[in-house]
N, C-alpha and C. Protein backbone atom coordinates (compact mmCIF):
# COMPACT_ATOMS: atom_id res chain seq x y z
N UNK A 1 6.70 64.18 37.36
CA UNK A 1 6.30 64.45 36.07
C UNK A 1 7.44 64.73 34.80
N UNK A 2 7.48 63.71 33.74
CA UNK A 2 8.54 64.12 32.96
C UNK A 2 7.35 64.24 31.54
N UNK A 3 7.67 65.28 30.61
CA UNK A 3 6.92 65.40 29.54
C UNK A 3 8.03 65.67 28.15
N UNK A 4 7.46 65.61 27.13
CA UNK A 4 8.03 65.48 25.87
C UNK A 4 6.94 66.29 24.75
N UNK A 5 7.19 67.34 24.29
CA UNK A 5 6.35 67.88 23.52
C UNK A 5 7.07 68.32 22.16
N UNK A 6 6.45 67.52 20.95
CA UNK A 6 6.64 67.72 19.55
C UNK A 6 5.66 68.34 18.96
N UNK A 7 5.59 70.02 18.62
CA UNK A 7 4.53 70.64 17.80
C UNK A 7 4.97 70.91 16.62
N UNK A 8 4.60 70.62 15.33
CA UNK A 8 5.63 71.20 14.28
C UNK A 8 4.14 71.49 13.15
N UNK A 9 3.58 72.60 13.18
CA UNK A 9 2.55 73.17 12.50
C UNK A 9 1.23 72.80 12.92
N UNK A 10 0.56 71.88 12.38
CA UNK A 10 -0.89 71.73 12.95
C UNK A 10 -1.02 70.30 13.56
N UNK A 11 0.33 69.51 13.76
CA UNK A 11 -0.21 68.31 14.37
C UNK A 11 1.05 68.30 15.60
N UNK A 12 0.49 67.74 16.77
CA UNK A 12 0.98 68.03 17.97
C UNK A 12 1.37 66.44 18.61
N UNK A 13 2.11 65.77 19.42
CA UNK A 13 2.42 64.75 19.91
C UNK A 13 3.27 65.21 21.41
N UNK A 14 2.45 64.78 22.36
CA UNK A 14 2.91 64.48 23.82
C UNK A 14 2.79 63.28 24.41
N UNK A 15 4.11 63.19 25.16
CA UNK A 15 4.10 61.90 26.22
C UNK A 15 4.39 62.70 27.35
N UNK A 16 3.96 61.85 28.43
CA UNK A 16 4.02 62.14 29.71
C UNK A 16 3.87 61.26 30.59
N UNK A 17 5.03 61.02 31.53
CA UNK A 17 5.42 59.73 32.54
C UNK A 17 5.33 60.60 33.78
N UNK A 18 4.06 59.93 34.50
CA UNK A 18 3.91 60.05 36.04
C UNK A 18 4.34 59.08 36.97
N UNK A 19 5.51 59.52 37.47
CA UNK A 19 6.23 58.97 38.72
C UNK A 19 5.86 59.32 39.95
N UNK A 20 5.05 60.55 40.34
CA UNK A 20 5.00 60.99 41.76
C UNK A 20 4.41 59.79 42.80
N UNK A 21 3.69 58.70 42.29
CA UNK A 21 3.32 57.96 43.39
C UNK A 21 4.51 57.29 43.98
N UNK A 22 5.47 56.95 43.38
CA UNK A 22 6.62 56.48 44.14
C UNK A 22 6.74 54.90 43.91
N UNK A 23 5.67 54.34 43.35
CA UNK A 23 5.39 52.86 42.94
C UNK A 23 5.36 52.39 41.78
N UNK A 24 6.42 51.88 41.18
CA UNK A 24 6.55 51.69 39.50
C UNK A 24 5.07 50.94 39.27
N UNK A 25 4.29 50.28 39.95
CA UNK A 25 2.93 49.59 39.70
C UNK A 25 2.19 50.25 39.52
N UNK A 26 2.16 51.52 39.89
CA UNK A 26 0.91 52.48 40.05
C UNK A 26 1.31 53.75 39.10
N UNK A 27 2.52 53.87 38.56
CA UNK A 27 2.77 54.97 37.62
C UNK A 27 1.56 54.77 36.47
N UNK A 28 1.55 56.21 35.79
CA UNK A 28 1.03 56.46 34.81
C UNK A 28 1.63 56.95 33.50
N UNK A 29 1.46 56.45 32.10
CA UNK A 29 2.09 56.88 31.17
C UNK A 29 0.82 57.61 30.31
N UNK A 30 0.92 58.79 29.80
CA UNK A 30 0.11 59.06 29.08
C UNK A 30 0.37 59.95 27.70
N UNK A 31 -0.14 59.74 26.53
CA UNK A 31 0.25 59.83 25.28
C UNK A 31 -0.74 60.56 24.46
N UNK A 32 -0.48 61.89 24.22
CA UNK A 32 -1.70 62.81 23.59
C UNK A 32 -1.12 62.98 21.64
N UNK A 33 -2.04 62.89 21.02
CA UNK A 33 -1.64 63.38 19.71
C UNK A 33 -3.14 63.91 19.11
N UNK A 34 -2.65 64.80 18.35
CA UNK A 34 -4.12 65.61 17.86
C UNK A 34 -3.56 66.91 16.85
N UNK A 35 -4.56 67.57 16.79
CA UNK A 35 -4.65 68.42 15.66
C UNK A 35 -4.51 69.77 16.40
N UNK A 36 -4.08 70.92 15.65
CA UNK A 36 -4.28 72.12 16.08
C UNK A 36 -4.62 73.31 15.06
N UNK A 37 -6.22 73.37 14.82
CA UNK A 37 -6.87 74.09 13.87
C UNK A 37 -6.85 75.91 13.95
N UNK A 38 -5.91 76.47 13.41
CA UNK A 38 -6.06 77.96 13.48
C UNK A 38 -7.49 78.57 13.12
N UNK A 39 -7.81 79.03 13.83
CA UNK A 39 -9.11 80.06 14.00
C UNK A 39 -8.77 81.47 13.53
N UNK A 40 -7.84 82.23 14.19
CA UNK A 40 -7.43 83.41 14.17
C UNK A 40 -5.76 83.64 14.26
N UNK A 41 -4.92 84.28 14.11
CA UNK A 41 -3.69 84.65 14.47
C UNK A 41 -3.37 84.06 15.93
N UNK A 42 -4.38 84.38 16.85
CA UNK A 42 -4.17 84.47 18.40
C UNK A 42 -4.80 83.07 18.76
N UNK A 43 -5.65 82.49 17.90
CA UNK A 43 -7.05 81.42 18.88
C UNK A 43 -6.84 80.14 17.94
N UNK A 44 -6.51 79.23 18.32
CA UNK A 44 -6.53 77.73 17.83
C UNK A 44 -7.61 76.78 18.39
N UNK A 45 -8.15 75.79 17.46
CA UNK A 45 -8.81 74.90 18.20
C UNK A 45 -8.28 73.51 18.53
N UNK A 46 -8.29 72.84 19.49
CA UNK A 46 -7.46 71.66 19.59
C UNK A 46 -8.13 70.23 19.86
N UNK A 47 -7.88 69.50 19.01
CA UNK A 47 -8.70 68.39 18.93
C UNK A 47 -7.69 67.23 19.14
N UNK A 48 -7.40 66.31 20.04
CA UNK A 48 -6.50 65.42 20.49
C UNK A 48 -7.22 64.30 20.96
N UNK A 49 -6.42 63.03 21.26
CA UNK A 49 -6.61 61.97 21.68
C UNK A 49 -5.68 61.91 22.69
N UNK A 50 -6.32 61.30 24.14
CA UNK A 50 -5.22 60.85 24.76
C UNK A 50 -5.40 59.42 25.47
N UNK A 51 -4.41 58.65 25.58
CA UNK A 51 -4.27 57.50 25.82
C UNK A 51 -3.57 57.12 26.87
N UNK A 52 -4.19 56.62 28.03
CA UNK A 52 -3.83 56.64 29.55
C UNK A 52 -3.26 54.69 29.63
N UNK A 53 -1.96 54.65 30.30
CA UNK A 53 -1.66 53.41 30.35
C UNK A 53 -1.29 53.23 31.91
N UNK A 54 -1.65 51.96 32.47
CA UNK A 54 -1.57 51.87 33.71
C UNK A 54 -1.02 50.48 33.88
N UNK A 55 0.13 50.13 34.83
CA UNK A 55 1.12 49.35 35.00
C UNK A 55 1.65 49.09 33.64
N UNK A 56 2.74 49.65 33.53
CA UNK A 56 3.62 49.53 32.13
C UNK A 56 2.75 49.87 30.99
N UNK A 57 2.54 49.09 29.97
CA UNK A 57 1.75 49.63 28.57
C UNK A 57 0.68 48.75 28.49
N UNK A 58 0.10 48.24 29.65
CA UNK A 58 -0.96 47.24 29.59
C UNK A 58 -2.26 48.05 29.84
N UNK A 59 -3.08 47.42 29.31
CA UNK A 59 -4.81 48.22 29.40
C UNK A 59 -4.85 49.62 29.45
N UNK A 60 -4.61 49.76 27.78
CA UNK A 60 -4.71 51.08 27.59
C UNK A 60 -6.16 51.93 27.65
N UNK A 61 -6.49 52.88 27.93
CA UNK A 61 -7.61 53.77 28.07
C UNK A 61 -7.65 54.88 27.14
N UNK A 62 -8.71 55.16 26.14
CA UNK A 62 -8.75 56.39 25.21
C UNK A 62 -9.71 57.34 25.65
N UNK A 63 -9.22 58.65 25.53
CA UNK A 63 -10.26 59.64 25.43
C UNK A 63 -9.95 60.79 24.82
N UNK A 64 -11.08 61.45 24.04
CA UNK A 64 -11.19 62.46 23.33
C UNK A 64 -10.88 63.81 23.98
N UNK A 65 -10.01 64.60 23.64
CA UNK A 65 -9.54 65.93 24.05
C UNK A 65 -9.86 67.04 23.29
N UNK A 66 -10.80 67.72 23.32
CA UNK A 66 -11.16 68.90 22.66
C UNK A 66 -10.52 69.92 23.58
N UNK A 67 -9.84 71.21 22.87
CA UNK A 67 -9.58 72.25 23.46
C UNK A 67 -9.43 73.65 23.03
N UNK A 68 -8.75 74.46 23.66
CA UNK A 68 -8.43 75.93 23.05
C UNK A 68 -7.32 76.23 23.25
N UNK A 69 -6.35 76.96 22.16
CA UNK A 69 -5.10 77.57 22.26
C UNK A 69 -5.18 78.89 22.26
N UNK A 70 -4.57 79.70 23.28
CA UNK A 70 -4.25 81.09 22.89
C UNK A 70 -2.83 81.64 22.84
N UNK A 71 -2.48 81.89 21.51
CA UNK A 71 -1.07 82.13 21.37
C UNK A 71 -0.58 83.69 21.59
N UNK A 72 0.26 83.77 22.22
CA UNK A 72 0.80 85.17 22.63
C UNK A 72 2.10 85.15 22.50
N UNK A 73 2.51 85.87 21.68
CA UNK A 73 4.35 86.12 21.36
C UNK A 73 4.58 84.41 21.01
N UNK A 74 5.42 84.15 21.89
CA UNK A 74 6.33 82.93 21.67
C UNK A 74 5.82 81.79 22.53
N UNK A 75 4.59 82.10 23.26
CA UNK A 75 4.33 80.93 23.84
C UNK A 75 2.78 80.66 23.82
N UNK A 76 2.18 79.50 24.43
CA UNK A 76 0.41 79.24 24.12
C UNK A 76 0.01 78.52 25.28
N UNK A 77 -1.17 79.18 25.59
CA UNK A 77 -1.92 79.01 26.96
C UNK A 77 -2.92 77.67 26.11
N UNK A 78 -3.17 76.71 26.64
CA UNK A 78 -3.88 75.49 26.21
C UNK A 78 -4.99 75.33 27.17
N UNK A 79 -6.14 75.27 26.74
CA UNK A 79 -7.47 74.95 27.79
C UNK A 79 -8.01 73.83 27.47
N UNK A 80 -7.89 72.61 28.25
CA UNK A 80 -8.48 71.27 27.67
C UNK A 80 -9.87 71.33 28.23
N UNK A 81 -10.89 71.09 27.32
CA UNK A 81 -12.28 71.32 27.79
C UNK A 81 -12.63 69.91 28.57
N UNK A 82 -13.64 69.76 29.40
CA UNK A 82 -14.15 68.45 29.93
C UNK A 82 -15.41 68.32 29.10
N UNK A 83 -15.25 67.03 28.42
CA UNK A 83 -16.38 66.24 27.59
C UNK A 83 -17.38 65.96 28.69
N UNK A 84 -17.31 65.55 29.84
CA UNK A 84 -18.05 65.36 30.51
C UNK A 84 -19.44 66.61 30.98
N UNK A 85 -18.85 67.61 30.73
CA UNK A 85 -19.79 68.95 30.85
C UNK A 85 -20.96 68.66 30.39
N UNK A 86 -20.89 67.95 28.82
CA UNK A 86 -22.01 68.22 27.97
C UNK A 86 -23.52 67.34 28.62
N UNK A 87 -23.00 66.55 29.43
CA UNK A 87 -24.15 65.65 30.01
C UNK A 87 -24.38 66.06 31.33
N UNK A 88 -23.20 66.62 32.20
CA UNK A 88 -23.59 67.04 33.53
C UNK A 88 -23.02 68.46 33.92
N UNK A 89 -24.01 69.31 34.22
CA UNK A 89 -23.78 70.62 34.36
C UNK A 89 -23.04 71.05 35.65
N UNK A 90 -22.87 70.03 36.70
CA UNK A 90 -22.33 70.27 38.01
C UNK A 90 -20.79 69.98 37.58
N UNK A 91 -20.16 69.48 36.70
CA UNK A 91 -18.76 69.27 36.16
C UNK A 91 -18.28 70.58 35.71
N UNK A 92 -16.84 70.79 35.94
CA UNK A 92 -16.09 72.04 35.63
C UNK A 92 -16.16 72.00 34.09
N UNK A 93 -15.70 73.24 33.37
CA UNK A 93 -15.89 73.28 31.96
C UNK A 93 -14.45 72.92 31.49
N UNK A 94 -13.24 73.49 32.44
CA UNK A 94 -11.93 73.09 32.02
C UNK A 94 -11.39 71.63 32.76
N UNK A 95 -10.97 70.85 31.99
CA UNK A 95 -10.24 69.77 32.64
C UNK A 95 -9.11 70.12 33.30
N UNK A 96 -8.10 70.81 32.25
CA UNK A 96 -6.94 71.18 32.47
C UNK A 96 -6.10 72.07 31.92
N UNK A 97 -4.92 72.86 32.15
CA UNK A 97 -4.22 74.10 31.76
C UNK A 97 -2.96 73.69 31.22
N UNK A 98 -2.67 74.42 30.24
CA UNK A 98 -1.02 74.14 29.66
C UNK A 98 -0.55 75.40 29.43
N UNK A 99 0.62 75.27 29.71
CA UNK A 99 1.49 76.44 29.10
C UNK A 99 2.89 75.87 28.29
N UNK A 100 2.76 76.32 26.61
CA UNK A 100 3.69 75.81 26.02
C UNK A 100 4.85 77.19 25.94
N UNK A 101 6.15 77.03 25.90
CA UNK A 101 6.97 78.11 25.55
C UNK A 101 7.81 77.69 24.60
N UNK A 102 8.29 78.44 23.76
CA UNK A 102 9.07 78.33 22.36
C UNK A 102 10.46 79.15 23.05
N UNK A 103 11.30 78.40 23.55
CA UNK A 103 12.78 79.11 23.90
C UNK A 103 13.64 79.34 22.56
N UNK A 104 13.32 78.53 21.35
CA UNK A 104 14.02 78.84 20.53
C UNK A 104 14.08 80.34 19.79
N UNK A 105 12.98 80.91 19.83
CA UNK A 105 12.75 82.35 19.48
C UNK A 105 13.35 83.29 20.47
N UNK A 106 13.78 83.05 21.50
CA UNK A 106 14.29 83.98 22.53
C UNK A 106 15.48 84.78 22.14
C-alpha cells in the first residue's frame, strides 16, 4: 500500500494505491477528498468522498465517508464511520482507523 497525504488547514486529499494482490488487473486505487471541520482544539469532524478504481482508472465507485478526528500534539487519530450502520445494527460502527503524523514539527 502506498499513500500520499496532503492536509492543509480544513481540506485534505489522500491517494492510495493497493498492490498487495500481486496482479495488476486486480489492484485498487483509492482517492479521498474532504473537509475537516474543527469542533474544539482537539476534535474535528471529517466529511469526505472516497473514489475507488478497479482495473486502472475504469469504472469508478463513489462513497461518502464521515468521520471523527482527535488531535493530540503533532498527530491525529482518524476514525471513519460506517455509513451502513444507520440501516443495519449488526454492522460495526467504525469502518477504518488512521494515524497521521506531522514530522515537520519534531
